[in-house]
Amino acid sequence: QVQLVESGGGSVQSGGSLRLSCEASRSIFSINAMGWYRQAPGKERELVAAFTSGSTTNIADSVKGRFTLSRDNAKNTVYLQMNSLKPEDTAVYYCNARLWAGSSLLNYWGQGTQVTVSS
């Protein structure tokens, strides 16, 4: 199991920046994949950016060039630096971690943090 604690959401104007943090309760080396998803009102949850097995990074086309995913292994923390924010980035952002449990890949979620971008 893993617990995920998020921080860093808030309200900014269009063009502003925010940095989200997600601290895991175990070494991120033991986590198969870890990153961020978001869910806007009335929409499905979608991938924003994530580290996957083999150190591959997946980033949604809608945020490429504006958002950067990074990690601090010593702190078991993954960061999402969000620059040039747009109103359409407004959503609840969720940290996600995936762990193998036997032959099953389990999803764990943080509590979510609200990001609101005003025009």
N, C-alpha and C. Protein backbone atom coordinates (compact mmCIF):
# COMPACT_ATOMS: atom_id res chain seq x y z
N GLN A 1 0.84 -1.20 0.00
CA GLN A 1 0.00 0.00 0.00
C GLN A 1 0.87 1.25 0.00
N VAL A 2 0.24 2.37 -0.34
CA VAL A 2 0.93 3.65 -0.30
C VAL A 2 -0.09 4.73 -0.01
N GLN A 3 0.30 5.69 0.80
CA GLN A 3 -0.52 6.88 1.03
C GLN A 3 0.13 8.04 0.28
N LEU A 4 -0.71 8.88 -0.28
CA LEU A 4 -0.25 10.00 -1.08
C LEU A 4 -0.79 11.29 -0.48
N VAL A 5 0.09 12.24 -0.22
CA VAL A 5 -0.31 13.52 0.35
C VAL A 5 0.04 14.63 -0.63
N GLU A 6 -0.99 15.33 -1.06
CA GLU A 6 -0.83 16.38 -2.07
C GLU A 6 -0.82 17.75 -1.41
N SER A 7 -0.17 18.68 -2.09
CA SER A 7 -0.20 20.08 -1.66
C SER A 7 0.10 20.96 -2.86
N GLY A 8 -0.26 22.23 -2.73
CA GLY A 8 0.16 23.20 -3.72
C GLY A 8 -0.92 23.76 -4.63
N GLY A 9 -2.15 23.30 -4.50
CA GLY A 9 -3.19 23.86 -5.35
C GLY A 9 -3.54 25.28 -4.94
N GLY A 10 -4.42 25.90 -5.70
CA GLY A 10 -4.85 27.25 -5.37
C GLY A 10 -5.49 27.93 -6.55
N SER A 11 -5.60 29.25 -6.43
CA SER A 11 -6.23 30.05 -7.47
C SER A 11 -5.22 31.03 -8.04
N VAL A 12 -5.16 31.09 -9.37
CA VAL A 12 -4.26 32.01 -10.04
C VAL A 12 -4.97 32.59 -11.24
N GLN A 13 -4.41 33.66 -11.77
CA GLN A 13 -4.92 34.24 -13.00
C GLN A 13 -4.27 33.57 -14.20
N SER A 14 -4.93 33.70 -15.32
CA SER A 14 -4.41 33.12 -16.55
C SER A 14 -2.98 33.61 -16.80
N GLY A 15 -2.10 32.66 -17.16
CA GLY A 15 -0.69 32.98 -17.36
C GLY A 15 0.17 32.75 -16.13
N GLY A 16 -0.47 32.50 -15.01
CA GLY A 16 0.26 32.29 -13.77
C GLY A 16 0.83 30.89 -13.65
N SER A 17 1.46 30.64 -12.50
CA SER A 17 2.11 29.36 -12.26
C SER A 17 1.74 28.80 -10.89
N LEU A 18 1.76 27.48 -10.80
CA LEU A 18 1.59 26.77 -9.54
C LEU A 18 2.47 25.54 -9.58
N ARG A 19 2.85 25.06 -8.40
CA ARG A 19 3.57 23.80 -8.31
C ARG A 19 2.85 22.89 -7.34
N LEU A 20 2.50 21.71 -7.83
CA LEU A 20 1.87 20.70 -7.01
C LEU A 20 2.92 19.71 -6.52
N SER A 21 2.74 19.25 -5.28
CA SER A 21 3.63 18.25 -4.71
C SER A 21 2.83 17.04 -4.27
N CYS A 22 3.41 15.88 -4.41
CA CYS A 22 2.78 14.64 -3.96
C CYS A 22 3.84 13.80 -3.26
N GLU A 23 3.68 13.64 -1.97
CA GLU A 23 4.61 12.85 -1.18
C GLU A 23 4.04 11.47 -0.93
N ALA A 24 4.83 10.45 -1.25
CA ALA A 24 4.40 9.07 -1.04
C ALA A 24 4.94 8.56 0.29
N SER A 25 4.22 7.59 0.86
CA SER A 25 4.58 7.04 2.16
C SER A 25 5.62 5.93 2.05
N ARG A 26 6.09 5.68 0.83
CA ARG A 26 7.12 4.66 0.63
C ARG A 26 8.04 5.12 -0.49
N SER A 27 9.16 4.46 -0.63
CA SER A 27 10.10 4.84 -1.67
C SER A 27 9.46 4.79 -3.05
N ILE A 28 9.66 5.86 -3.82
CA ILE A 28 9.06 5.87 -5.15
C ILE A 28 9.76 4.91 -6.10
N PHE A 29 10.92 4.38 -5.68
CA PHE A 29 11.56 3.34 -6.48
C PHE A 29 10.72 2.07 -6.48
N SER A 30 9.90 1.90 -5.43
CA SER A 30 9.07 0.71 -5.32
C SER A 30 7.73 0.88 -6.00
N ILE A 31 7.50 2.04 -6.60
CA ILE A 31 6.22 2.34 -7.24
C ILE A 31 6.37 2.19 -8.75
N ASN A 32 5.44 1.46 -9.34
CA ASN A 32 5.52 1.16 -10.77
C ASN A 32 5.33 2.41 -11.63
N ALA A 33 4.37 3.25 -11.25
CA ALA A 33 4.09 4.48 -11.98
C ALA A 33 3.53 5.51 -11.00
N MET A 34 3.85 6.76 -11.24
CA MET A 34 3.37 7.81 -10.33
C MET A 34 3.25 9.11 -11.09
N GLY A 35 2.16 9.82 -10.84
CA GLY A 35 1.98 11.07 -11.54
C GLY A 35 0.69 11.76 -11.16
N TRP A 36 0.19 12.57 -12.09
CA TRP A 36 -0.96 13.42 -11.84
C TRP A 36 -2.06 13.23 -12.88
N TYR A 37 -3.28 13.20 -12.39
CA TYR A 37 -4.47 13.22 -13.21
C TYR A 37 -5.29 14.44 -12.79
N ARG A 38 -6.26 14.80 -13.62
CA ARG A 38 -7.16 15.90 -13.25
C ARG A 38 -8.57 15.60 -13.71
N GLN A 39 -9.50 16.22 -13.01
CA GLN A 39 -10.91 16.05 -13.36
C GLN A 39 -11.61 17.39 -13.25
N ALA A 40 -12.12 17.86 -14.37
CA ALA A 40 -12.89 19.10 -14.41
C ALA A 40 -14.36 18.76 -14.23
N PRO A 41 -15.17 19.72 -13.78
CA PRO A 41 -16.60 19.45 -13.59
C PRO A 41 -17.26 18.92 -14.86
N GLY A 42 -17.98 17.82 -14.72
CA GLY A 42 -18.69 17.25 -15.85
C GLY A 42 -17.83 16.47 -16.83
N LYS A 43 -16.56 16.32 -16.51
CA LYS A 43 -15.66 15.61 -17.41
C LYS A 43 -15.03 14.41 -16.72
N GLU A 44 -14.49 13.50 -17.52
CA GLU A 44 -13.82 12.34 -16.97
C GLU A 44 -12.43 12.71 -16.49
N ARG A 45 -11.94 11.90 -15.55
CA ARG A 45 -10.58 12.10 -15.08
C ARG A 45 -9.61 11.77 -16.22
N GLU A 46 -8.59 12.61 -16.36
CA GLU A 46 -7.64 12.42 -17.45
C GLU A 46 -6.21 12.53 -16.96
N LEU A 47 -5.33 11.83 -17.67
CA LEU A 47 -3.91 11.89 -17.34
C LEU A 47 -3.36 13.27 -17.67
N VAL A 48 -2.57 13.82 -16.75
CA VAL A 48 -1.84 15.05 -17.01
C VAL A 48 -0.38 14.71 -17.33
N ALA A 49 0.27 14.05 -16.39
CA ALA A 49 1.67 13.66 -16.58
C ALA A 49 2.02 12.59 -15.57
N ALA A 50 2.84 11.64 -15.98
CA ALA A 50 3.20 10.57 -15.07
C ALA A 50 4.52 9.94 -15.47
N PHE A 51 5.28 9.53 -14.44
CA PHE A 51 6.43 8.66 -14.65
C PHE A 51 5.91 7.23 -14.71
N THR A 52 6.36 6.48 -15.69
CA THR A 52 5.95 5.09 -15.78
C THR A 52 7.18 4.19 -15.59
N SER A 53 6.95 2.89 -15.59
CA SER A 53 8.05 1.94 -15.41
C SER A 53 9.08 2.16 -16.51
N GLY A 54 10.33 2.04 -16.17
CA GLY A 54 11.38 2.28 -17.13
C GLY A 54 11.73 3.75 -17.26
N SER A 55 11.22 4.57 -16.35
CA SER A 55 11.52 6.00 -16.31
C SER A 55 10.97 6.77 -17.49
N THR A 56 10.02 6.22 -18.18
CA THR A 56 9.33 6.95 -19.26
C THR A 56 8.39 7.97 -18.64
N THR A 57 8.28 9.14 -19.27
CA THR A 57 7.36 10.17 -18.83
C THR A 57 6.26 10.36 -19.86
N ASN A 58 5.03 10.25 -19.44
CA ASN A 58 3.88 10.53 -20.31
C ASN A 58 3.31 11.89 -19.94
N ILE A 59 3.12 12.74 -20.91
CA ILE A 59 2.55 14.07 -20.69
C ILE A 59 1.45 14.30 -21.70
N ALA A 60 0.30 14.78 -21.23
CA ALA A 60 -0.81 15.06 -22.11
C ALA A 60 -0.45 16.15 -23.11
N ASP A 61 -0.95 16.00 -24.32
CA ASP A 61 -0.65 16.99 -25.36
C ASP A 61 -1.12 18.39 -24.95
N SER A 62 -2.20 18.45 -24.21
CA SER A 62 -2.79 19.75 -23.85
C SER A 62 -1.91 20.56 -22.90
N VAL A 63 -0.92 19.90 -22.26
CA VAL A 63 -0.07 20.62 -21.30
C VAL A 63 1.40 20.60 -21.69
N LYS A 64 1.73 19.94 -22.79
CA LYS A 64 3.13 19.88 -23.21
C LYS A 64 3.68 21.29 -23.45
N GLY A 65 4.90 21.50 -22.95
CA GLY A 65 5.51 22.80 -23.10
C GLY A 65 5.14 23.77 -22.00
N ARG A 66 4.13 23.43 -21.20
CA ARG A 66 3.70 24.31 -20.09
C ARG A 66 3.91 23.64 -18.73
N PHE A 67 3.68 22.35 -18.67
CA PHE A 67 3.79 21.62 -17.40
C PHE A 67 5.04 20.74 -17.43
N THR A 68 5.68 20.62 -16.28
CA THR A 68 6.87 19.79 -16.14
C THR A 68 6.72 18.87 -14.93
N LEU A 69 7.00 17.60 -15.16
CA LEU A 69 6.96 16.62 -14.08
C LEU A 69 8.38 16.34 -13.60
N SER A 70 8.57 16.33 -12.30
CA SER A 70 9.89 16.03 -11.76
C SER A 70 9.73 15.26 -10.46
N ARG A 71 10.83 14.77 -9.92
CA ARG A 71 10.74 14.00 -8.67
C ARG A 71 12.00 14.18 -7.84
N ASP A 72 11.82 14.02 -6.55
CA ASP A 72 12.92 14.01 -5.60
C ASP A 72 12.88 12.66 -4.91
N ASN A 73 13.76 11.77 -5.33
CA ASN A 73 13.72 10.40 -4.81
C ASN A 73 13.97 10.36 -3.31
N ALA A 74 14.84 11.24 -2.84
CA ALA A 74 15.17 11.24 -1.41
C ALA A 74 13.96 11.63 -0.55
N LYS A 75 13.07 12.42 -1.12
CA LYS A 75 11.88 12.88 -0.39
C LYS A 75 10.64 12.09 -0.77
N ASN A 76 10.79 11.10 -1.64
CA ASN A 76 9.64 10.31 -2.10
C ASN A 76 8.53 11.21 -2.63
N THR A 77 8.92 12.22 -3.37
CA THR A 77 7.97 13.26 -3.79
C THR A 77 8.06 13.48 -5.30
N VAL A 78 6.89 13.63 -5.90
CA VAL A 78 6.77 13.99 -7.31
C VAL A 78 6.14 15.38 -7.39
N TYR A 79 6.66 16.18 -8.30
CA TYR A 79 6.19 17.55 -8.45
C TYR A 79 5.60 17.75 -9.85
N LEU A 80 4.63 18.64 -9.91
CA LEU A 80 4.09 19.08 -11.19
C LEU A 80 4.19 20.60 -11.23
N GLN A 81 5.12 21.10 -12.02
CA GLN A 81 5.27 22.54 -12.21
C GLN A 81 4.36 22.95 -13.35
N MET A 82 3.45 23.85 -13.07
CA MET A 82 2.48 24.28 -14.06
C MET A 82 2.69 25.75 -14.37
N ASN A 83 3.09 26.03 -15.59
CA ASN A 83 3.31 27.41 -16.04
C ASN A 83 2.32 27.77 -17.13
N SER A 84 2.20 29.05 -17.38
CA SER A 84 1.30 29.54 -18.43
C SER A 84 -0.09 28.92 -18.29
N LEU A 85 -0.61 28.94 -17.10
CA LEU A 85 -1.89 28.30 -16.84
C LEU A 85 -3.02 28.99 -17.60
N LYS A 86 -3.98 28.17 -18.00
CA LYS A 86 -5.14 28.63 -18.75
C LYS A 86 -6.41 28.29 -17.97
N PRO A 87 -7.49 29.01 -18.23
CA PRO A 87 -8.76 28.68 -17.55
C PRO A 87 -9.16 27.21 -17.75
N GLU A 88 -8.84 26.64 -18.88
CA GLU A 88 -9.21 25.25 -19.14
C GLU A 88 -8.38 24.25 -18.32
N ASP A 89 -7.37 24.74 -17.61
CA ASP A 89 -6.62 23.88 -16.68
C ASP A 89 -7.33 23.75 -15.34
N THR A 90 -8.39 24.50 -15.15
CA THR A 90 -9.14 24.44 -13.90
C THR A 90 -9.71 23.04 -13.69
N ALA A 91 -9.39 22.44 -12.56
CA ALA A 91 -9.82 21.07 -12.26
C ALA A 91 -9.35 20.70 -10.85
N VAL A 92 -9.81 19.56 -10.40
CA VAL A 92 -9.23 18.95 -9.22
C VAL A 92 -8.10 18.04 -9.71
N TYR A 93 -6.94 18.22 -9.16
CA TYR A 93 -5.76 17.44 -9.57
C TYR A 93 -5.51 16.36 -8.53
N TYR A 94 -5.33 15.14 -9.02
CA TYR A 94 -5.15 13.98 -8.16
C TYR A 94 -3.79 13.34 -8.41
N CYS A 95 -3.09 13.07 -7.34
CA CYS A 95 -1.87 12.29 -7.45
C CYS A 95 -2.25 10.81 -7.54
N ASN A 96 -1.53 10.08 -8.36
CA ASN A 96 -1.81 8.67 -8.58
C ASN A 96 -0.52 7.86 -8.47
N ALA A 97 -0.64 6.70 -7.86
CA ALA A 97 0.47 5.74 -7.82
C ALA A 97 -0.07 4.36 -8.14
N ARG A 98 0.72 3.60 -8.88
CA ARG A 98 0.33 2.24 -9.24
C ARG A 98 1.38 1.26 -8.71
N LEU A 99 0.88 0.24 -8.02
CA LEU A 99 1.76 -0.75 -7.42
C LEU A 99 1.31 -2.14 -7.81
N TRP A 100 2.29 -3.01 -8.00
CA TRP A 100 1.98 -4.41 -8.24
C TRP A 100 1.67 -5.08 -6.90
N ALA A 101 0.58 -5.83 -6.88
CA ALA A 101 0.22 -6.67 -5.74
C ALA A 101 0.00 -8.05 -6.31
N GLY A 102 1.04 -8.87 -6.26
CA GLY A 102 0.97 -10.15 -6.94
C GLY A 102 0.92 -9.90 -8.43
N SER A 103 -0.11 -10.40 -9.08
CA SER A 103 -0.27 -10.22 -10.52
C SER A 103 -1.21 -9.06 -10.85
N SER A 104 -1.64 -8.33 -9.84
CA SER A 104 -2.57 -7.22 -10.05
C SER A 104 -1.87 -5.89 -9.89
N LEU A 105 -2.22 -4.95 -10.75
CA LEU A 105 -1.69 -3.59 -10.67
C LEU A 105 -2.76 -2.72 -10.01
N LEU A 106 -2.47 -2.21 -8.81
CA LEU A 106 -3.45 -1.47 -8.03
C LEU A 106 -3.21 0.03 -8.15
N ASN A 107 -4.31 0.78 -8.19
CA ASN A 107 -4.26 2.25 -8.23
C ASN A 107 -4.49 2.83 -6.85
N TYR A 108 -3.69 3.81 -6.50
CA TYR A 108 -3.88 4.58 -5.27
C TYR A 108 -3.99 6.05 -5.65
N TRP A 109 -4.86 6.77 -4.90
CA TRP A 109 -5.13 8.17 -5.22
C TRP A 109 -4.94 9.04 -3.99
N GLY A 110 -4.47 10.25 -4.24
CA GLY A 110 -4.47 11.26 -3.21
C GLY A 110 -5.86 11.83 -3.04
N GLN A 111 -5.97 12.78 -2.11
CA GLN A 111 -7.29 13.34 -1.79
C GLN A 111 -7.75 14.38 -2.82
N GLY A 112 -6.84 14.83 -3.65
CA GLY A 112 -7.18 15.84 -4.65
C GLY A 112 -6.90 17.24 -4.16
N THR A 113 -6.48 18.08 -5.08
CA THR A 113 -6.24 19.48 -4.76
C THR A 113 -6.80 20.34 -5.89
N GLN A 114 -7.52 21.38 -5.51
CA GLN A 114 -8.21 22.22 -6.48
C GLN A 114 -7.24 23.22 -7.10
N VAL A 115 -7.29 23.31 -8.42
CA VAL A 115 -6.57 24.35 -9.16
C VAL A 115 -7.61 25.15 -9.94
N THR A 116 -7.65 26.44 -9.71
CA THR A 116 -8.60 27.32 -10.38
C THR A 116 -7.84 28.43 -11.09
N VAL A 117 -8.07 28.54 -12.38
CA VAL A 117 -7.41 29.56 -13.19
C VAL A 117 -8.47 30.50 -13.74
N SER A 118 -8.36 31.76 -13.40
CA SER A 118 -9.34 32.75 -13.84
C SER A 118 -8.78 33.56 -15.02
N SER A 119 -9.69 33.97 -15.87
CA SER A 119 -9.28 34.71 -17.07
C SER A 119 -9.13 36.19 -16.78
